[in-house]
């Protein structure tokens, strides 16, 4: 698993998509937070609150993580290297987990430069005080959300030989699980099932982290989504290789 993990990281940073994806995340988040006046514009907030960033980040990550993960297996099938990969003395599940962890790691690295937002906001705010426990909860929630998106992206890449199809499929599934299910429940057309669909959405659980609430149920749910899509990736690859 370690060899696959290291290989994926090296390959990622040897391609321009690595720097384009990471740069795009920082560029878009900075534009919406500091330049474009709107719902996420931080200078309008009188207090040191990074909630706009944590509300904005998932929407950018849907695009960015889909781009990061799209070649994970699609490229292996297209180039024919999947057969060479499977002949190595590696457990099939270890290959999947290694690729998943690589995507998740890359996604987490994108958060490091965002710490400058914390410093800037603390310097510019009137009170200059940040609730760091709340901030840690929000960052933890965002990291968990990145994990679920990474698992969905890996699964999407396992379905096809085309990186573009994997990218679009990944974006669709990430949107569906993040907000789509909650959107279905918000129409109030399904009676008692409305709340059920809302609770199935990742956004429903992610919002608790932004509020500073780390609930075991939210952590378990996100871990469950990760396990679900890693398992689906395993069965998808098994079916394609046979």
C-alpha atoms as a PDB file:
ATOM      1  CA  UNK A   1       0.000   0.000   0.000  1.00  0.00           C
ATOM      2  CA  UNK A   2       2.847   2.384   0.824  1.00  0.00           C
ATOM      3  CA  UNK A   3       4.406   1.854  -2.597  1.00  0.00           C
ATOM      4  CA  UNK A   4       1.120   2.680  -4.351  1.00  0.00           C
ATOM      5  CA  UNK A   5       0.612   5.698  -2.094  1.00  0.00           C
ATOM      6  CA  UNK A   6       4.103   7.058  -2.829  1.00  0.00           C
ATOM      7  CA  UNK A   7       3.781   6.328  -6.551  1.00  0.00           C
ATOM      8  CA  UNK A   8       0.482   8.196  -6.786  1.00  0.00           C
ATOM      9  CA  UNK A   9       1.892  11.245  -5.009  1.00  0.00           C
ATOM     10  CA  UNK A  10       4.957  11.354  -7.271  1.00  0.00           C
ATOM     11  CA  UNK A  11       2.880  10.960 -10.418  1.00  0.00           C
ATOM     12  CA  UNK A  12       0.458  13.635  -9.315  1.00  0.00           C
ATOM     13  CA  UNK A  13       3.117  16.249  -8.702  1.00  0.00           C
ATOM     14  CA  UNK A  14       4.859  15.399 -11.970  1.00  0.00           C
ATOM     15  CA  UNK A  15       1.797  16.564 -13.926  1.00  0.00           C
ATOM     16  CA  UNK A  16       0.502  20.123 -14.397  1.00  0.00           C
ATOM     17  CA  UNK A  17      -2.968  19.158 -13.170  1.00  0.00           C
ATOM     18  CA  UNK A  18      -1.553  19.028  -9.636  1.00  0.00           C
ATOM     19  CA  UNK A  19      -0.590  22.675  -9.563  1.00  0.00           C
ATOM     20  CA  UNK A  20      -3.606  23.779 -11.600  1.00  0.00           C
ATOM     21  CA  UNK A  21      -6.037  22.048  -9.211  1.00  0.00           C
ATOM     22  CA  UNK A  22      -4.385  23.278  -6.033  1.00  0.00           C
ATOM     23  CA  UNK A  23      -3.910  26.759  -7.451  1.00  0.00           C
ATOM     24  CA  UNK A  24      -7.532  26.885  -8.563  1.00  0.00           C
ATOM     25  CA  UNK A  25      -8.774  26.023  -5.081  1.00  0.00           C
ATOM     26  CA  UNK A  26      -6.738  28.831  -3.520  1.00  0.00           C
ATOM     27  CA  UNK A  27      -7.529  31.304  -6.296  1.00  0.00           C
ATOM     28  CA  UNK A  28     -11.288  30.783  -6.206  1.00  0.00           C
ATOM     29  CA  UNK A  29     -11.507  30.762  -2.415  1.00  0.00           C
ATOM     30  CA  UNK A  30      -9.400  33.942  -2.197  1.00  0.00           C
ATOM     31  CA  UNK A  31     -11.477  35.714  -4.850  1.00  0.00           C
ATOM     32  CA  UNK A  32     -14.797  34.950  -3.152  1.00  0.00           C
ATOM     33  CA  UNK A  33     -13.497  35.670   0.354  1.00  0.00           C
ATOM     34  CA  UNK A  34     -11.486  38.838  -0.217  1.00  0.00           C
ATOM     35  CA  UNK A  35     -12.310  40.431  -3.596  1.00  0.00           C
ATOM     36  CA  UNK A  36     -15.798  39.578  -4.882  1.00  0.00           C
ATOM     37  CA  UNK A  37     -18.419  41.186  -2.650  1.00  0.00           C
ATOM     38  CA  UNK A  38     -21.120  38.666  -1.874  1.00  0.00           C
ATOM     39  CA  UNK A  39     -22.255  36.117   0.690  1.00  0.00           C
ATOM     40  CA  UNK A  40     -18.691  34.911   1.318  1.00  0.00           C
ATOM     41  CA  UNK A  41     -16.957  38.338   1.423  1.00  0.00           C
ATOM     42  CA  UNK A  42     -14.986  38.341   4.695  1.00  0.00           C
ATOM     43  CA  UNK A  43     -14.292  42.103   5.084  1.00  0.00           C
ATOM     44  CA  UNK A  44     -18.025  42.689   5.706  1.00  0.00           C
ATOM     45  CA  UNK A  45     -17.853  40.544   8.857  1.00  0.00           C
ATOM     46  CA  UNK A  46     -17.209  42.530  12.015  1.00  0.00           C
ATOM     47  CA  UNK A  47     -15.917  39.504  13.896  1.00  0.00           C
ATOM     48  CA  UNK A  48     -13.181  36.955  13.244  1.00  0.00           C
ATOM     49  CA  UNK A  49     -15.325  34.248  11.690  1.00  0.00           C
ATOM     50  CA  UNK A  50     -14.191  31.876   8.934  1.00  0.00           C
ATOM     51  CA  UNK A  51     -17.625  30.321   8.455  1.00  0.00           C
ATOM     52  CA  UNK A  52     -17.883  31.785   4.908  1.00  0.00           C
ATOM     53  CA  UNK A  53     -14.728  29.898   3.906  1.00  0.00           C
ATOM     54  CA  UNK A  54     -15.998  26.589   5.271  1.00  0.00           C
ATOM     55  CA  UNK A  55     -19.353  27.124   3.556  1.00  0.00           C
ATOM     56  CA  UNK A  56     -17.671  27.938   0.247  1.00  0.00           C
ATOM     57  CA  UNK A  57     -14.927  25.289   0.250  1.00  0.00           C
ATOM     58  CA  UNK A  58     -17.103  22.190  -0.460  1.00  0.00           C
ATOM     59  CA  UNK A  59     -18.444  23.699  -3.689  1.00  0.00           C
ATOM     60  CA  UNK A  60     -14.928  24.321  -4.986  1.00  0.00           C
ATOM     61  CA  UNK A  61     -13.720  20.937  -3.759  1.00  0.00           C
ATOM     62  CA  UNK A  62     -16.404  19.110  -5.739  1.00  0.00           C
ATOM     63  CA  UNK A  63     -14.681  20.348  -8.881  1.00  0.00           C
ATOM     64  CA  UNK A  64     -11.079  20.113  -7.632  1.00  0.00           C
ATOM     65  CA  UNK A  65     -11.192  16.627  -6.067  1.00  0.00           C
ATOM     66  CA  UNK A  66     -13.041  15.259  -9.101  1.00  0.00           C
ATOM     67  CA  UNK A  67     -10.106  16.565 -11.176  1.00  0.00           C
ATOM     68  CA  UNK A  68      -7.480  15.141  -8.806  1.00  0.00           C
ATOM     69  CA  UNK A  69      -9.023  11.666  -8.664  1.00  0.00           C
ATOM     70  CA  UNK A  70     -10.214  11.258 -12.261  1.00  0.00           C
ATOM     71  CA  UNK A  71      -7.067   9.527 -13.518  1.00  0.00           C
ATOM     72  CA  UNK A  72      -6.623   7.166 -10.548  1.00  0.00           C
ATOM     73  CA  UNK A  73      -7.970   4.066 -12.328  1.00  0.00           C
ATOM     74  CA  UNK A  74      -9.250   5.476 -15.633  1.00  0.00           C
ATOM     75  CA  UNK A  75      -5.695   6.177 -16.770  1.00  0.00           C
ATOM     76  CA  UNK A  76      -4.541   2.725 -15.654  1.00  0.00           C
ATOM     77  CA  UNK A  77      -7.212   1.063 -17.820  1.00  0.00           C
ATOM     78  CA  UNK A  78      -6.663   3.347 -20.795  1.00  0.00           C
ATOM     79  CA  UNK A  79      -2.888   2.830 -20.851  1.00  0.00           C
ATOM     80  CA  UNK A  80      -3.138  -0.886 -20.024  1.00  0.00           C
ATOM     81  CA  UNK A  81      -0.981  -0.564 -16.890  1.00  0.00           C
ATOM     82  CA  UNK A  82      -3.763  -1.966 -14.717  1.00  0.00           C
ATOM     83  CA  UNK A  83      -2.661  -5.483 -15.662  1.00  0.00           C
ATOM     84  CA  UNK A  84       0.931  -4.773 -14.653  1.00  0.00           C
ATOM     85  CA  UNK A  85      -0.299  -3.265 -11.406  1.00  0.00           C
ATOM     86  CA  UNK A  86      -2.308  -6.373 -10.556  1.00  0.00           C
ATOM     87  CA  UNK A  87       0.632  -8.691 -11.227  1.00  0.00           C
ATOM     88  CA  UNK A  88       2.617  -7.082  -8.435  1.00  0.00           C
ATOM     89  CA  UNK A  89       2.640  -8.734  -4.999  1.00  0.00           C
ATOM     90  CA  UNK A  90       0.022  -6.327  -3.680  1.00  0.00           C
ATOM     91  CA  UNK A  91      -3.344  -6.988  -2.157  1.00  0.00           C
ATOM     92  CA  UNK A  92      -6.158  -5.731  -4.388  1.00  0.00           C
ATOM     93  CA  UNK A  93      -7.688  -3.737  -1.562  1.00  0.00           C
ATOM     94  CA  UNK A  94      -4.296  -2.235  -0.692  1.00  0.00           C
ATOM     95  CA  UNK A  95      -4.059  -0.777  -4.212  1.00  0.00           C
ATOM     96  CA  UNK A  96      -7.451   0.907  -3.834  1.00  0.00           C
ATOM     97  CA  UNK A  97      -6.724   2.231  -0.351  1.00  0.00           C
ATOM     98  CA  UNK A  98      -3.282   3.459  -1.422  1.00  0.00           C
ATOM     99  CA  UNK A  99      -4.791   5.468  -4.279  1.00  0.00           C
ATOM    100  CA  UNK A 100      -7.586   6.763  -2.029  1.00  0.00           C
ATOM    101  CA  UNK A 101      -5.155   7.911   0.671  1.00  0.00           C
ATOM    102  CA  UNK A 102      -3.008   9.661  -1.938  1.00  0.00           C
ATOM    103  CA  UNK A 103      -5.972  11.677  -3.233  1.00  0.00           C
ATOM    104  CA  UNK A 104      -7.073  12.503   0.319  1.00  0.00           C
ATOM    105  CA  UNK A 105      -3.549  13.581   1.259  1.00  0.00           C
ATOM    106  CA  UNK A 106      -3.274  15.888  -1.738  1.00  0.00           C
ATOM    107  CA  UNK A 107      -6.645  17.409  -0.846  1.00  0.00           C
ATOM    108  CA  UNK A 108      -5.538  18.018   2.745  1.00  0.00           C
ATOM    109  CA  UNK A 109      -2.336  19.727   1.592  1.00  0.00           C
ATOM    110  CA  UNK A 110      -4.487  22.344  -0.112  1.00  0.00           C
ATOM    111  CA  UNK A 111      -5.643  23.500   3.318  1.00  0.00           C
ATOM    112  CA  UNK A 112      -2.176  24.505   4.521  1.00  0.00           C
ATOM    113  CA  UNK A 113      -2.069  27.865   2.666  1.00  0.00           C
ATOM    114  CA  UNK A 114      -5.558  28.687   3.974  1.00  0.00           C
ATOM    115  CA  UNK A 115      -4.080  29.232   7.434  1.00  0.00           C
ATOM    116  CA  UNK A 116      -3.161  32.690   6.156  1.00  0.00           C
ATOM    117  CA  UNK A 117      -6.894  33.413   6.128  1.00  0.00           C
ATOM    118  CA  UNK A 118      -6.941  32.810   9.868  1.00  0.00           C
ATOM    119  CA  UNK A 119      -4.065  35.214  10.453  1.00  0.00           C
ATOM    120  CA  UNK A 120      -5.487  37.865   8.103  1.00  0.00           C
ATOM    121  CA  UNK A 121      -8.959  37.705   9.594  1.00  0.00           C
ATOM    122  CA  UNK A 122      -7.621  37.908  13.126  1.00  0.00           C
ATOM    123  CA  UNK A 123      -5.578  40.976  12.190  1.00  0.00           C
ATOM    124  CA  UNK A 124      -8.412  42.785  10.408  1.00  0.00           C
ATOM    125  CA  UNK A 125     -11.346  42.004  12.713  1.00  0.00           C
ATOM    126  CA  UNK A 126     -12.544  44.464  15.326  1.00  0.00           C
ATOM    127  CA  UNK A 127     -12.220  42.133  18.273  1.00  0.00           C
ATOM    128  CA  UNK A 128      -9.215  40.183  16.934  1.00  0.00           C
ATOM    129  CA  UNK A 129     -10.393  37.024  18.656  1.00  0.00           C
ATOM    130  CA  UNK A 130     -10.981  33.693  16.925  1.00  0.00           C
ATOM    131  CA  UNK A 131     -12.726  30.754  18.536  1.00  0.00           C
ATOM    132  CA  UNK A 132      -9.967  28.228  17.846  1.00  0.00           C
ATOM    133  CA  UNK A 133     -11.950  25.262  19.153  1.00  0.00           C
ATOM    134  CA  UNK A 134     -14.689  26.096  16.666  1.00  0.00           C
ATOM    135  CA  UNK A 135     -12.049  26.575  13.985  1.00  0.00           C
ATOM    136  CA  UNK A 136     -10.475  23.171  14.682  1.00  0.00           C
ATOM    137  CA  UNK A 137     -13.911  21.543  14.521  1.00  0.00           C
ATOM    138  CA  UNK A 138     -14.608  23.172  11.142  1.00  0.00           C
ATOM    139  CA  UNK A 139     -11.210  22.142   9.724  1.00  0.00           C
ATOM    140  CA  UNK A 140     -11.746  18.596  10.985  1.00  0.00           C
ATOM    141  CA  UNK A 141     -15.160  18.490   9.331  1.00  0.00           C
ATOM    142  CA  UNK A 142     -13.714  19.782   6.058  1.00  0.00           C
ATOM    143  CA  UNK A 143     -10.962  17.139   6.155  1.00  0.00           C
ATOM    144  CA  UNK A 144     -13.586  14.422   6.699  1.00  0.00           C
ATOM    145  CA  UNK A 145     -15.626  15.830   3.815  1.00  0.00           C
ATOM    146  CA  UNK A 146     -12.508  15.725   1.638  1.00  0.00           C
ATOM    147  CA  UNK A 147     -12.191  12.050   2.530  1.00  0.00           C
ATOM    148  CA  UNK A 148     -15.720  11.304   1.353  1.00  0.00           C
ATOM    149  CA  UNK A 149     -15.166  13.227  -1.891  1.00  0.00           C
ATOM    150  CA  UNK A 150     -11.878  11.366  -2.441  1.00  0.00           C
ATOM    151  CA  UNK A 151     -13.595   7.984  -2.043  1.00  0.00           C
ATOM    152  CA  UNK A 152     -16.355   9.035  -4.456  1.00  0.00           C
ATOM    153  CA  UNK A 153     -13.757  10.251  -6.947  1.00  0.00           C
ATOM    154  CA  UNK A 154     -11.808   6.985  -6.799  1.00  0.00           C
ATOM    155  CA  UNK A 155     -15.001   5.024  -7.394  1.00  0.00           C
ATOM    156  CA  UNK A 156     -15.951   7.204 -10.367  1.00  0.00           C
ATOM    157  CA  UNK A 157     -12.513   6.642 -11.893  1.00  0.00           C
ATOM    158  CA  UNK A 158     -12.927   2.882 -11.567  1.00  0.00           C
ATOM    159  CA  UNK A 159     -16.009   2.897 -13.807  1.00  0.00           C
ATOM    160  CA  UNK A 160     -14.439   4.090 -17.042  1.00  0.00           C
ATOM    161  CA  UNK A 161     -11.342   4.429 -19.228  1.00  0.00           C
ATOM    162  CA  UNK A 162     -12.072   8.102 -19.843  1.00  0.00           C
ATOM    163  CA  UNK A 163     -10.761  10.718 -17.443  1.00  0.00           C
ATOM    164  CA  UNK A 164     -13.406  13.202 -18.640  1.00  0.00           C
ATOM    165  CA  UNK A 165     -16.228  10.739 -17.918  1.00  0.00           C
ATOM    166  CA  UNK A 166     -14.669   9.973 -14.520  1.00  0.00           C
ATOM    167  CA  UNK A 167     -14.441  13.708 -13.805  1.00  0.00           C
ATOM    168  CA  UNK A 168     -18.070  14.395 -14.695  1.00  0.00           C
ATOM    169  CA  UNK A 169     -19.328  11.297 -12.869  1.00  0.00           C
ATOM    170  CA  UNK A 170     -17.342  12.252  -9.798  1.00  0.00           C
ATOM    171  CA  UNK A 171     -18.721  15.788  -9.798  1.00  0.00           C
ATOM    172  CA  UNK A 172     -22.285  14.513 -10.166  1.00  0.00           C
ATOM    173  CA  UNK A 173     -22.002  11.990  -7.328  1.00  0.00           C
ATOM    174  CA  UNK A 174     -20.249  14.464  -5.020  1.00  0.00           C
ATOM    175  CA  UNK A 175     -22.951  17.046  -5.629  1.00  0.00           C
ATOM    176  CA  UNK A 176     -25.676  14.433  -5.158  1.00  0.00           C
ATOM    177  CA  UNK A 177     -24.343  13.260  -1.804  1.00  0.00           C
ATOM    178  CA  UNK A 178     -23.318  16.706  -0.582  1.00  0.00           C
ATOM    179  CA  UNK A 179     -26.424  18.701  -1.420  1.00  0.00           C
ATOM    180  CA  UNK A 180     -28.647  16.817  -3.890  1.00  0.00           C
ATOM    181  CA  UNK A 181     -30.241  14.527  -1.314  1.00  0.00           C
ATOM    182  CA  UNK A 182     -30.892  17.457   0.993  1.00  0.00           C
ATOM    183  CA  UNK A 183     -32.387  19.350  -1.935  1.00  0.00           C
ATOM    184  CA  UNK A 184     -34.780  16.484  -2.610  1.00  0.00           C
ATOM    185  CA  UNK A 185     -35.927  16.581   1.007  1.00  0.00           C
ATOM    186  CA  UNK A 186     -36.347  20.368   0.967  1.00  0.00           C
ATOM    187  CA  UNK A 187     -39.168  20.189  -1.608  1.00  0.00           C
ATOM    188  CA  UNK A 188     -41.480  18.775   1.093  1.00  0.00           C
ATOM    189  CA  UNK A 189     -43.051  16.355  -1.343  1.00  0.00           C
ATOM    190  CA  UNK A 190     -42.213  13.062   0.357  1.00  0.00           C
ATOM    191  CA  UNK A 191     -43.841  13.485   3.748  1.00  0.00           C
ATOM    192  CA  UNK A 192     -41.900  11.663   6.451  1.00  0.00           C
ATOM    193  CA  UNK A 193     -39.148  10.833   3.975  1.00  0.00           C
ATOM    194  CA  UNK A 194     -38.149  14.497   3.586  1.00  0.00           C
ATOM    195  CA  UNK A 195     -36.150  14.539   6.811  1.00  0.00           C
ATOM    196  CA  UNK A 196     -34.691  11.131   5.959  1.00  0.00           C
ATOM    197  CA  UNK A 197     -33.240  12.428   2.679  1.00  0.00           C
ATOM    198  CA  UNK A 198     -31.944  15.571   4.362  1.00  0.00           C
ATOM    199  CA  UNK A 199     -30.100  13.506   6.959  1.00  0.00           C
ATOM    200  CA  UNK A 200     -28.544  11.405   4.200  1.00  0.00           C
ATOM    201  CA  UNK A 201     -26.816  14.459   2.733  1.00  0.00           C
ATOM    202  CA  UNK A 202     -23.213  15.215   3.636  1.00  0.00           C
ATOM    203  CA  UNK A 203     -24.040  18.900   4.069  1.00  0.00           C
ATOM    204  CA  UNK A 204     -26.469  18.070   6.896  1.00  0.00           C
ATOM    205  CA  UNK A 205     -23.647  16.474   8.894  1.00  0.00           C
ATOM    206  CA  UNK A 206     -20.920  18.880   7.759  1.00  0.00           C
ATOM    207  CA  UNK A 207     -22.823  21.905   9.075  1.00  0.00           C
ATOM    208  CA  UNK A 208     -22.495  20.599  12.626  1.00  0.00           C
ATOM    209  CA  UNK A 209     -18.707  20.712  12.336  1.00  0.00           C
ATOM    210  CA  UNK A 210     -18.860  24.331  11.137  1.00  0.00           C
ATOM    211  CA  UNK A 211     -20.920  25.158  14.234  1.00  0.00           C
ATOM    212  CA  UNK A 212     -18.206  23.659  16.437  1.00  0.00           C
ATOM    213  CA  UNK A 213     -20.093  20.430  17.164  1.00  0.00           C
ATOM    214  CA  UNK A 214     -18.118  17.234  16.702  1.00  0.00           C
ATOM    215  CA  UNK A 215     -20.725  14.504  16.988  1.00  0.00           C
ATOM    216  CA  UNK A 216     -19.874  10.829  16.809  1.00  0.00           C
ATOM    217  CA  UNK A 217     -22.874  10.258  14.538  1.00  0.00           C
ATOM    218  CA  UNK A 218     -21.516  12.749  11.984  1.00  0.00           C
ATOM    219  CA  UNK A 219     -18.031  11.219  12.039  1.00  0.00           C
ATOM    220  CA  UNK A 220     -19.445   7.693  11.714  1.00  0.00           C
ATOM    221  CA  UNK A 221     -21.684   8.753   8.827  1.00  0.00           C
ATOM    222  CA  UNK A 222     -18.795  10.257   6.853  1.00  0.00           C
ATOM    223  CA  UNK A 223     -16.579   7.252   7.567  1.00  0.00           C
ATOM    224  CA  UNK A 224     -19.458   5.070   6.408  1.00  0.00           C
ATOM    225  CA  UNK A 225     -19.615   6.919   3.079  1.00  0.00           C
ATOM    226  CA  UNK A 226     -15.859   6.430   2.674  1.00  0.00           C
ATOM    227  CA  UNK A 227     -16.114   2.692   3.374  1.00  0.00           C
ATOM    228  CA  UNK A 228     -19.139   2.405   1.065  1.00  0.00           C
ATOM    229  CA  UNK A 229     -17.400   3.927  -1.947  1.00  0.00           C
ATOM    230  CA  UNK A 230     -14.118   2.115  -1.358  1.00  0.00           C
ATOM    231  CA  UNK A 231     -16.126  -1.132  -1.281  1.00  0.00           C
ATOM    232  CA  UNK A 232     -17.979  -0.131  -4.451  1.00  0.00           C
ATOM    233  CA  UNK A 233     -14.630   0.578  -6.089  1.00  0.00           C
ATOM    234  CA  UNK A 234     -13.450  -2.913  -5.160  1.00  0.00           C
ATOM    235  CA  UNK A 235     -16.521  -4.561  -6.706  1.00  0.00           C
ATOM    236  CA  UNK A 236     -16.389  -2.280  -9.750  1.00  0.00           C
ATOM    237  CA  UNK A 237     -12.779  -3.217 -10.486  1.00  0.00           C
ATOM    238  CA  UNK A 238     -13.417  -6.889  -9.861  1.00  0.00           C
ATOM    239  CA  UNK A 239     -16.251  -6.839 -12.386  1.00  0.00           C
ATOM    240  CA  UNK A 240     -14.224  -4.977 -15.026  1.00  0.00           C
ATOM    241  CA  UNK A 241     -11.120  -7.156 -14.698  1.00  0.00           C
ATOM    242  CA  UNK A 242     -13.144 -10.383 -15.022  1.00  0.00           C
END
